[in-house]
């Protein structure tokens, strides 16, 4: 049974480990510790029945707009709807804080992630050429607007 909980400092090492297996340029534990203390950051963590982090996602909120950050699920937990659950909880949490518009970047080749975002109302609105490194790849810029 997967639960969605707010990021806490106790979960940071596990969240950083998830990040490290999912991204070629992962955030550090220190970056996540700092995110715990920032009022404009909202991070959620998917934890399994043992309380261990298996996924996470976050928002950086600026007034009525937010950027979706670091959506990731451990490879051995993918295909179970965890990313969908995380995004639903994230959109609900953002809305409760007054967010009306969301944006994000995603690798153009990451069709599974694009599908998750489209299921939550995001649409592609542009390309950032060469945005990602290791390997170099374009980013699809997606928005969800009211």
Foldseek 3Di string as FASTA:
>chain_A
DKDKDWDDLVQLVLAQVQQVQWDPDGDDSVVVVVLNVDPQKTKIFIADPVRHGFWMKIWRDDAQEIEIDGGGGRPVPPPPCPSLVRVVVRVVVSVVVNHFKYKYKDFPPPVVVVVSVVVVQKDFDDKDAQPDVPPGGIITMIMHGD
